[in-house]
Amino acid sequence: MPDIMSNSLMLIGTAGDLPVHLIYGQEVGDPRPFILLTVTPEYVAHKTSKSLPIDRKEFARFVHNNAEDLMKIAVSCRDRGKTSAILTATLMKN
C-alpha cells in the first residue's frame, strides 16, 4: 500500500545560494514546513566526483536534476521524525 503522506510532501521554497536550503511542506505557503534540507557544495562535489569549488551553475543544475532524490531524502527525514538535515560530503547530519 503506498504511503499517502509521502505524496503530500512538496518543495515549497528555497533559501540561500551555496549552500541551498530546500524547504518541504504540505502546500505552498505552509506555515509549518516539515523539513529543511541543506545541500552543501561538499555534498554536490562528492556526488558528482568533482573537486571543490563547485561552480554555481553546476550546483544549481545538480539540485534541479536530482530533485526527486532530494525529495526522497526529505521524506526519509520526516518518516524518522526529523525536521532538518544537512547533506555533506560523507554523511547526513541531523
C-alpha atoms as a PDB file:
ATOM      1  CA  MET A   1       0.000   0.000   0.000  1.00  0.00           C
ATOM      2  CA  PRO A   2       1.543   3.373  -0.964  1.00  0.00           C
ATOM      3  CA  ASP A   3       2.336   5.877   1.735  1.00  0.00           C
ATOM      4  CA  ILE A   4      -0.147   8.722   1.220  1.00  0.00           C
ATOM      5  CA  MET A   5       1.909  11.077   3.407  1.00  0.00           C
ATOM      6  CA  SER A   6       4.878  10.714   1.031  1.00  0.00           C
ATOM      7  CA  ASN A   7       2.765  12.225  -1.711  1.00  0.00           C
ATOM      8  CA  SER A   8       1.752  15.197   0.430  1.00  0.00           C
ATOM      9  CA  LEU A   9       5.310  16.477   0.872  1.00  0.00           C
ATOM     10  CA  MET A  10       6.423  19.019  -1.739  1.00  0.00           C
ATOM     11  CA  LEU A  11       9.170  21.564  -2.237  1.00  0.00           C
ATOM     12  CA  ILE A  12       7.627  24.842  -1.083  1.00  0.00           C
ATOM     13  CA  GLY A  13      10.649  27.130  -1.060  1.00  0.00           C
ATOM     14  CA  THR A  14      14.376  27.651  -1.092  1.00  0.00           C
ATOM     15  CA  ALA A  15      16.776  29.898   0.756  1.00  0.00           C
ATOM     16  CA  GLY A  16      20.422  30.677   0.228  1.00  0.00           C
ATOM     17  CA  ASP A  17      22.725  30.086  -2.673  1.00  0.00           C
ATOM     18  CA  LEU A  18      25.725  27.967  -1.639  1.00  0.00           C
ATOM     19  CA  PRO A  19      24.647  26.056   0.390  1.00  0.00           C
ATOM     20  CA  VAL A  20      20.989  25.961  -0.558  1.00  0.00           C
ATOM     21  CA  HIS A  21      18.215  25.234   1.913  1.00  0.00           C
ATOM     22  CA  LEU A  22      15.307  23.286   0.432  1.00  0.00           C
ATOM     23  CA  ILE A  23      12.081  23.733   2.363  1.00  0.00           C
ATOM     24  CA  TYR A  24       9.485  20.965   2.138  1.00  0.00           C
ATOM     25  CA  GLY A  25       5.905  21.083   3.404  1.00  0.00           C
ATOM     26  CA  GLN A  26       2.362  20.054   2.532  1.00  0.00           C
ATOM     27  CA  GLU A  27       1.493  23.073   0.393  1.00  0.00           C
ATOM     28  CA  VAL A  28       2.901  26.367  -0.849  1.00  0.00           C
ATOM     29  CA  GLY A  29       2.831  28.888   1.999  1.00  0.00           C
ATOM     30  CA  ASP A  30       2.726  26.124   4.616  1.00  0.00           C
ATOM     31  CA  PRO A  31       3.197  27.962   7.939  1.00  0.00           C
ATOM     32  CA  ARG A  32       4.758  24.838   9.464  1.00  0.00           C
ATOM     33  CA  PRO A  33       7.040  23.196   6.897  1.00  0.00           C
ATOM     34  CA  PHE A  34       8.110  19.636   7.659  1.00  0.00           C
ATOM     35  CA  ILE A  35      11.717  19.536   6.528  1.00  0.00           C
ATOM     36  CA  LEU A  36      14.618  21.924   5.973  1.00  0.00           C
ATOM     37  CA  LEU A  37      17.170  20.079   3.828  1.00  0.00           C
ATOM     38  CA  THR A  38      20.535  21.829   3.425  1.00  0.00           C
ATOM     39  CA  VAL A  39      22.529  20.830   0.338  1.00  0.00           C
ATOM     40  CA  THR A  40      26.206  21.810   0.653  1.00  0.00           C
ATOM     41  CA  PRO A  41      28.810  22.279  -2.090  1.00  0.00           C
ATOM     42  CA  GLU A  42      30.759  19.413  -0.463  1.00  0.00           C
ATOM     43  CA  TYR A  43      27.786  17.085  -0.972  1.00  0.00           C
ATOM     44  CA  VAL A  44      27.453  18.058  -4.631  1.00  0.00           C
ATOM     45  CA  ALA A  45      31.205  17.633  -5.204  1.00  0.00           C
ATOM     46  CA  HIS A  46      31.075  14.192  -3.586  1.00  0.00           C
ATOM     47  CA  LYS A  47      28.013  13.057  -5.561  1.00  0.00           C
ATOM     48  CA  THR A  48      29.416  14.327  -8.881  1.00  0.00           C
ATOM     49  CA  SER A  49      33.007  13.180  -8.190  1.00  0.00           C
ATOM     50  CA  LYS A  50      34.236  16.731  -8.762  1.00  0.00           C
ATOM     51  CA  SER A  51      36.610  18.799  -6.679  1.00  0.00           C
ATOM     52  CA  LEU A  52      35.744  21.958  -4.820  1.00  0.00           C
ATOM     53  CA  PRO A  53      34.931  24.690  -5.525  1.00  0.00           C
ATOM     54  CA  ILE A  54      31.729  23.795  -7.364  1.00  0.00           C
ATOM     55  CA  ASP A  55      30.538  26.318  -9.935  1.00  0.00           C
ATOM     56  CA  ARG A  56      27.191  27.940  -9.001  1.00  0.00           C
ATOM     57  CA  LYS A  57      25.592  26.842 -12.276  1.00  0.00           C
ATOM     58  CA  GLU A  58      26.769  23.262 -11.781  1.00  0.00           C
ATOM     59  CA  PHE A  59      25.481  23.333  -8.190  1.00  0.00           C
ATOM     60  CA  ALA A  60      22.065  24.592  -9.329  1.00  0.00           C
ATOM     61  CA  ARG A  61      21.985  22.017 -12.143  1.00  0.00           C
ATOM     62  CA  PHE A  62      22.713  19.226  -9.657  1.00  0.00           C
ATOM     63  CA  VAL A  63      19.896  20.344  -7.339  1.00  0.00           C
ATOM     64  CA  HIS A  64      17.475  20.607 -10.271  1.00  0.00           C
ATOM     65  CA  ASN A  65      18.474  17.282 -11.845  1.00  0.00           C
ATOM     66  CA  ASN A  66      18.344  15.447  -8.507  1.00  0.00           C
ATOM     67  CA  ALA A  67      15.106  16.941  -7.187  1.00  0.00           C
ATOM     68  CA  GLU A  68      13.433  13.527  -6.902  1.00  0.00           C
ATOM     69  CA  ASP A  69      16.322  12.025  -4.909  1.00  0.00           C
ATOM     70  CA  LEU A  70      16.431  15.077  -2.636  1.00  0.00           C
ATOM     71  CA  MET A  71      12.679  14.734  -2.070  1.00  0.00           C
ATOM     72  CA  LYS A  72      13.206  11.089  -1.090  1.00  0.00           C
ATOM     73  CA  ILE A  73      15.809  12.192   1.457  1.00  0.00           C
ATOM     74  CA  ALA A  74      13.340  14.747   2.849  1.00  0.00           C
ATOM     75  CA  VAL A  75      10.613  12.098   3.086  1.00  0.00           C
ATOM     76  CA  SER A  76      13.045   9.757   4.857  1.00  0.00           C
ATOM     77  CA  CYS A  77      13.886  12.504   7.349  1.00  0.00           C
ATOM     78  CA  ARG A  78      10.228  13.184   8.015  1.00  0.00           C
ATOM     79  CA  ASP A  79       9.459   9.480   8.393  1.00  0.00           C
ATOM     80  CA  ARG A  80      12.231   9.240  11.008  1.00  0.00           C
ATOM     81  CA  GLY A  81      10.778  12.184  12.928  1.00  0.00           C
ATOM     82  CA  LYS A  82      13.454  14.682  11.844  1.00  0.00           C
ATOM     83  CA  THR A  83      12.743  18.264  10.833  1.00  0.00           C
ATOM     84  CA  SER A  84      16.081  19.102   9.219  1.00  0.00           C
ATOM     85  CA  ALA A  85      19.181  17.566   7.702  1.00  0.00           C
ATOM     86  CA  ILE A  86      22.470  18.811   6.315  1.00  0.00           C
ATOM     87  CA  LEU A  87      23.857  16.898   3.337  1.00  0.00           C
ATOM     88  CA  THR A  88      27.647  16.871   3.445  1.00  0.00           C
ATOM     89  CA  ALA A  89      30.370  15.002   1.566  1.00  0.00           C
ATOM     90  CA  THR A  90      30.211  11.851   3.633  1.00  0.00           C
ATOM     91  CA  LEU A  91      27.025  11.705   5.635  1.00  0.00           C
ATOM     92  CA  MET A  92      23.741  13.317   6.504  1.00  0.00           C
ATOM     93  CA  LYS A  93      23.837  15.343   9.691  1.00  0.00           C
ATOM     94  CA  ASN A  94      20.619  15.782  11.649  1.00  0.00           C
END
